[in-house]
Protein backbone atom coordinates (compact mmCIF):
# COMPACT_ATOMS: atom_id res chain seq x y z
CA MET A 1 21.18 -9.24 17.28
CA ARG A 2 21.07 -8.81 13.61
CA ILE A 3 18.12 -6.62 12.86
CA LEU A 4 16.42 -5.60 9.46
CA VAL A 5 14.41 -2.37 9.63
CA THR A 6 12.31 -1.71 6.60
CA GLY A 7 11.25 1.89 5.67
CA ALA A 8 14.53 2.93 7.11
CA SER A 9 14.73 6.39 5.71
CA GLY A 10 11.37 7.36 7.09
CA LEU A 11 10.61 9.19 10.32
CA LEU A 12 10.24 6.24 12.72
CA GLY A 13 12.73 3.88 10.65
CA ASP A 14 15.53 6.41 11.00
CA LYS A 15 15.19 6.47 14.66
CA ILE A 16 14.94 2.82 15.06
CA THR A 17 18.14 2.19 13.18
CA GLN A 18 19.92 4.93 15.00
CA ILE A 19 19.04 3.65 18.43
CA ALA A 20 19.44 0.03 17.58
CA ILE A 21 22.99 0.69 16.37
CA LYS A 22 23.87 2.73 19.54
CA LYS A 23 22.82 -0.39 21.62
CA GLY A 24 25.19 -2.55 19.63
CA HIS A 25 23.12 -4.49 17.11
CA ASP A 26 23.89 -5.15 13.77
CA VAL A 27 21.39 -3.16 11.59
CA TYR A 28 20.46 -3.58 8.03
CA ALA A 29 18.47 -0.72 6.77
CA SER A 30 16.09 -1.35 3.76
CA TYR A 31 14.64 1.51 1.62
CA LYS A 32 13.20 2.05 -1.75
CA GLU A 33 14.08 5.66 -2.86
CA HIS A 34 15.89 7.70 -0.08
CA LEU A 35 19.06 6.39 1.29
CA PRO A 36 18.93 5.84 5.05
CA ASN A 37 21.14 7.72 7.36
CA TYR A 38 22.02 4.82 9.58
CA GLY A 39 22.69 1.06 9.28
CA LYS A 40 23.83 -0.97 6.41
CA PRO A 41 21.72 0.23 3.48
CA ILE A 42 19.61 -2.38 1.39
CA LYS A 43 17.69 -1.41 -1.40
CA MET A 44 14.43 -3.45 -1.61
CA ASP A 45 10.98 -2.94 -3.08
CA GLN A 46 8.73 -4.72 -0.62
CA THR A 47 5.81 -4.90 -3.20
CA ILE A 48 8.04 -7.39 -5.09
CA GLU A 49 7.73 -10.79 -3.51
CA GLU A 50 11.02 -12.20 -5.00
CA GLN A 51 13.02 -9.07 -3.73
CA VAL A 52 11.58 -9.54 -0.17
CA TYR A 53 12.37 -13.21 -0.08
CA LYS A 54 15.88 -12.84 -1.35
CA THR A 55 16.81 -10.07 0.88
CA VAL A 56 15.62 -11.82 4.10
CA SER A 57 17.17 -15.11 2.94
CA ARG A 58 20.48 -13.39 2.30
CA ILE A 59 20.61 -11.26 5.52
CA LYS A 60 19.01 -13.80 7.74
CA PRO A 61 17.93 -11.36 10.59
CA ASP A 62 16.98 -12.26 13.94
CA ILE A 63 14.41 -9.60 14.00
CA ILE A 64 12.56 -7.75 11.36
CA ILE A 65 10.93 -4.46 12.17
CA ASN A 66 8.46 -3.24 9.51
CA SER A 67 8.18 0.62 9.62
CA ALA A 68 7.42 1.11 6.04
CA ALA A 69 3.89 2.28 5.33
CA PHE A 70 1.51 4.50 3.22
CA THR A 71 0.03 6.58 5.92
CA ASP A 72 -1.66 9.45 4.21
CA VAL A 73 -5.31 8.94 4.80
CA GLU A 74 -6.54 11.03 1.95
CA THR A 75 -4.44 9.44 -0.63
CA CYS A 76 -5.04 5.98 0.48
CA GLU A 77 -8.71 6.74 0.06
CA ASN A 78 -8.14 8.08 -3.54
CA GLN A 79 -5.45 5.25 -4.53
CA LYS A 80 -6.96 2.26 -2.66
CA ASP A 81 -5.02 -0.36 -4.76
CA ASN A 82 -1.80 1.26 -4.15
CA ALA A 83 -2.38 1.54 -0.46
CA SER A 84 -3.43 -2.13 -0.29
CA LEU A 85 -0.33 -3.06 -2.13
CA LEU A 86 1.88 -1.17 -0.02
CA ASN A 87 0.21 -1.69 3.58
CA THR A 88 -1.23 -5.13 3.12
CA THR A 89 0.39 -7.38 0.22
CA SER A 90 3.92 -6.22 0.98
CA VAL A 91 3.38 -7.48 4.67
CA TYR A 92 2.16 -10.78 3.43
CA PHE A 93 5.38 -11.11 1.46
CA LEU A 94 7.39 -10.20 4.68
CA ALA A 95 5.35 -12.58 6.87
CA LYS A 96 5.99 -15.42 4.55
CA ALA A 97 9.70 -14.57 4.30
CA VAL A 98 9.62 -14.47 8.25
CA LYS A 99 7.99 -17.90 8.59
CA GLU A 100 10.56 -19.63 6.21
CA ASN A 101 13.72 -17.86 7.90
CA GLU A 102 12.56 -18.17 11.62
CA ALA A 103 12.86 -14.48 12.34
CA PHE A 104 10.84 -12.46 14.89
CA PHE A 105 8.66 -10.10 13.20
CA ILE A 106 7.44 -6.54 14.54
CA GLN A 107 4.76 -4.88 12.32
CA ILE A 108 3.96 -1.18 13.11
CA SER A 109 0.14 -0.89 13.02
CA THR A 110 -2.07 2.17 13.75
CA ASP A 111 -4.94 3.35 16.03
CA TYR A 112 -6.86 3.74 12.84
CA VAL A 113 -7.96 -0.01 13.00
CA PHE A 114 -10.69 1.36 15.31
CA ASP A 115 -13.97 3.24 14.46
CA GLY A 116 -13.36 5.86 17.06
CA GLN A 117 -16.60 5.51 18.96
CA LYS A 118 -15.23 4.96 22.46
CA GLY A 119 -11.51 5.93 22.69
CA ASN A 120 -9.05 4.45 25.09
CA TYR A 121 -8.64 1.23 23.08
CA SER A 122 -7.04 -1.60 24.50
CA GLU A 123 -5.30 -4.49 22.69
CA ASN A 124 -8.37 -6.60 23.24
CA ASP A 125 -11.09 -4.22 21.77
CA ASN A 126 -12.81 -5.23 18.62
CA THR A 127 -11.44 -3.47 15.35
CA ASN A 128 -13.80 -1.57 12.91
CA PRO A 129 -11.83 0.54 10.45
CA ILE A 130 -13.86 3.29 8.79
CA ASN A 131 -11.47 4.33 6.01
CA HIS A 132 -9.26 2.44 3.57
CA TYR A 133 -5.99 3.24 5.37
CA GLY A 134 -7.38 1.53 8.48
CA VAL A 135 -8.80 -1.42 6.37
CA SER A 136 -5.43 -1.88 4.70
CA LYS A 137 -3.89 -1.87 8.22
CA ILE A 138 -6.05 -4.33 9.73
CA LEU A 139 -5.66 -6.57 6.87
CA GLU A 140 -1.95 -6.52 7.33
CA GLU A 141 -2.33 -7.40 10.80
CA GLN A 142 -4.28 -10.44 9.89
CA ALA A 143 -1.29 -11.55 7.72
CA VAL A 144 1.10 -11.24 10.85
CA ILE A 145 -1.27 -13.04 13.15
CA GLU A 146 -1.14 -16.10 10.92
CA LEU A 147 2.67 -16.68 11.95
CA LYS A 148 3.48 -18.97 14.95
CA GLU A 149 2.22 -17.51 18.15
CA ASN A 150 5.61 -16.42 19.70
CA GLN A 151 7.02 -15.18 16.23
CA TRP A 152 5.47 -11.85 16.00
CA CYS A 153 4.28 -8.56 17.65
CA ILE A 154 1.89 -6.15 16.31
CA ALA A 155 2.70 -2.47 17.72
CA ARG A 156 -0.23 -0.14 17.51
CA THR A 157 0.85 3.46 17.62
CA SER A 158 -0.75 6.99 17.14
CA THR A 159 -0.09 10.18 15.36
CA ILE A 160 3.70 9.94 15.38
CA TYR A 161 5.99 12.99 15.48
CA GLY A 162 9.53 14.10 15.53
CA TRP A 163 12.35 15.99 13.92
CA GLY A 164 12.22 14.29 10.48
CA ARG A 165 11.75 14.73 6.69
CA PRO A 166 11.17 18.26 5.52
CA TYR A 167 9.50 17.08 2.32
CA ARG A 168 6.91 15.12 4.51
CA PRO A 169 6.38 17.15 7.60
CA ASN A 170 4.51 15.42 10.84
CA ILE A 171 2.40 17.26 13.12
CA GLY A 172 5.30 18.15 15.41
CA LEU A 173 7.38 19.55 12.55
CA TYR A 174 4.47 21.30 11.08
CA VAL A 175 3.41 23.01 14.24
CA PHE A 176 6.80 24.12 15.11
CA SER A 177 7.60 25.31 11.55
CA LYS A 178 4.71 27.63 11.61
CA LEU A 179 4.77 28.97 15.00
CA SER A 180 8.56 29.43 14.96
CA LYS A 181 7.66 31.95 12.02
CA GLY A 182 4.85 33.62 13.86
CA GLU A 183 2.36 32.12 11.39
CA ARG A 184 -1.31 31.42 12.44
CA ILE A 185 -2.41 27.74 12.22
CA LEU A 186 -5.67 26.02 12.37
CA MET A 187 -5.87 22.70 14.28
CA VAL A 188 -8.71 20.25 14.79
CA ASP A 189 -10.35 20.25 18.31
CA ASP A 190 -12.91 17.63 17.86
CA TYR A 191 -10.73 14.50 17.15
CA TYR A 192 -8.70 12.58 19.74
CA SER A 193 -5.55 10.57 19.46
CA SER A 194 -2.41 9.81 21.44
CA PRO A 195 0.42 11.61 19.96
CA THR A 196 3.67 9.58 19.96
CA LEU A 197 7.34 11.08 20.01
CA ASP A 198 9.38 9.02 17.44
CA THR A 199 12.27 8.59 19.90
CA ASN A 200 10.15 6.96 22.72
CA LEU A 201 8.36 4.72 20.12
CA ALA A 202 11.49 3.68 18.76
CA SER A 203 12.85 2.87 22.10
CA MET A 204 10.02 0.71 22.97
CA LEU A 205 10.31 -1.15 19.62
CA ILE A 206 13.93 -2.02 20.32
CA GLU A 207 12.91 -3.18 23.78
CA ILE A 208 10.12 -5.38 22.33
CA ALA A 209 12.68 -6.83 19.70
CA GLU A 210 15.28 -7.50 22.43
CA ARG A 211 13.00 -9.29 24.64
CA LYS A 212 10.93 -10.77 21.71
CA LEU A 213 7.55 -9.67 23.36
CA SER A 214 4.74 -11.24 21.45
CA GLY A 215 1.11 -10.34 20.70
CA ILE A 216 -0.54 -7.00 20.35
CA ILE A 217 0.90 -4.03 22.23
CA ASN A 218 -0.23 -0.55 22.23
CA VAL A 219 2.83 1.62 21.99
CA SER A 220 1.54 5.32 21.75
CA GLY A 221 1.95 8.47 23.80
CA ALA A 222 0.38 8.35 27.30
CA THR A 223 -1.71 11.39 26.76
CA ARG A 224 -5.13 11.63 25.02
CA THR A 225 -5.39 15.00 23.10
CA THR A 226 -6.82 16.92 20.16
CA ARG A 227 -4.35 18.27 17.56
CA TYR A 228 -5.49 21.63 18.74
CA ASP A 229 -4.38 20.85 22.28
CA PHE A 230 -1.08 19.31 21.07
CA ALA A 231 -0.30 22.54 19.32
CA VAL A 232 -0.75 24.58 22.35
CA TYR A 233 1.28 22.22 24.43
CA LEU A 234 4.06 22.48 21.82
CA ALA A 235 3.79 26.27 21.66
CA ASN A 236 4.01 26.49 25.41
CA SER A 237 7.02 23.92 25.44
CA PHE A 238 8.81 26.13 22.92
CA LYS A 239 7.52 29.40 24.54
CA PHE A 240 5.89 30.40 21.10
CA ASN A 241 2.75 32.52 21.17
CA ASN A 242 -0.03 29.95 21.75
CA GLN A 243 -2.58 32.58 20.50
CA LEU A 244 -1.50 31.76 17.00
CA VAL A 245 -3.26 28.25 17.34
CA SER A 246 -6.95 28.53 16.33
CA ALA A 247 -9.43 25.59 16.52
CA THR A 248 -11.58 24.12 13.83
CA GLN A 249 -13.46 21.00 13.18
CA GLY A 250 -12.38 18.03 11.30
CA GLN A 251 -15.02 18.33 8.78
CA ASN A 252 -13.77 21.67 7.74
CA ILE A 253 -10.21 20.10 7.09
CA TRP A 254 -10.65 16.47 6.12
CA LYS A 255 -12.56 14.92 3.17
CA THR A 256 -12.03 11.34 4.08
CA LYS A 257 -14.16 9.94 7.15
CA ARG A 258 -11.90 9.67 10.13
CA PRO A 259 -12.49 8.01 13.55
CA ARG A 260 -13.31 10.44 16.14
CA ASP A 261 -11.52 9.20 19.29
CA VAL A 262 -8.63 6.63 18.87
CA SER A 263 -6.84 7.23 21.93
CA LEU A 264 -5.03 4.23 23.09
CA ASP A 265 -4.94 2.46 26.52
CA ILE A 266 -1.23 1.86 27.05
CA SER A 267 -1.83 -0.09 30.49
CA ARG A 268 0.05 -3.19 28.90
CA ALA A 269 3.12 -1.23 27.69
CA SER A 270 3.32 0.72 30.98
CA GLN A 271 3.55 -2.42 33.03
CA ILE A 272 5.88 -4.56 30.76
CA LEU A 273 8.34 -2.01 29.36
CA LYS A 274 11.13 -0.16 30.82
CA ASN A 275 11.07 2.46 28.08
CA SER A 276 7.32 3.20 28.81
CA PRO A 277 4.97 5.47 26.91
CA MET A 278 5.73 9.19 27.65
CA THR A 279 3.08 11.81 28.75
CA ILE A 280 2.97 14.66 26.32
CA ASP A 281 4.63 17.10 28.68
CA LYS A 282 7.75 14.81 29.06
CA ALA A 283 7.71 13.83 25.41
CA LEU A 284 7.44 17.54 24.18
CA SER A 285 10.28 18.60 26.59
CA GLN A 286 12.51 15.65 25.09
CA PHE A 287 11.48 16.96 21.64
CA SER A 288 12.49 20.60 22.40
CA GLN A 289 15.90 19.55 24.03
CA SER A 290 16.71 17.50 21.03
CA PHE A 291 16.06 20.55 18.79
CA GLU A 292 18.55 22.54 20.93
CA LEU A 293 21.27 19.69 20.33
């Protein structure tokens, strides 16, 4: 298949392009600033409608996987217009191009579309974002849902981590970097999510693309945990000193309001995908093995 991956130089986009190429797909990798490592590089600014339309019309992909996003919660709150442009408006442009070119569209969304009042959210639970990042993502979902019923998949995920960009560390890279140097870290212990290894997520997304599975699918890790517990898990996986990890509360770290429990119910993904969501033990084992390689 011909696949267009947007945000291909990012943490997730890099893994999607790498895995898709290994599986024999013809992969086009769009980017704005940083040249991607894999795929046929295509420079495209997704916030310019004409560029999006011309690129999609020229490539004529069978699948578009949009992994580009403005994910910094604090910055999204302080730069609402910019966050809306990148997370919402650009998706409307992509969705319009998808409709006119008959591609299948996979949009990466987030657990932050929920308010965090109950946790273990299924695909059918009501959304209720409590910060602008979540608002911008639920509005992008609405742009996708307006496509034909079997033309789209919204893949909701949670706290992505992996070996990625040193200029923008994720939770896994941050914890590893600090603990490997014997440095102490403070991690939040009163907010829950479902941390997701980038390689596991990318494999699930490629399977969704190959099978054109439609609708909303939760594709996160299989373990509900706090950031503090995640750091302890990682320390144990690498045989670091887990006493270097100290607990704190979210209110001491974050200025922007965040949902307290956005863990995801991955029952559907576990039932329909061969590349099913990993438990944190299995995911961190793979994470540590890939470092050794």
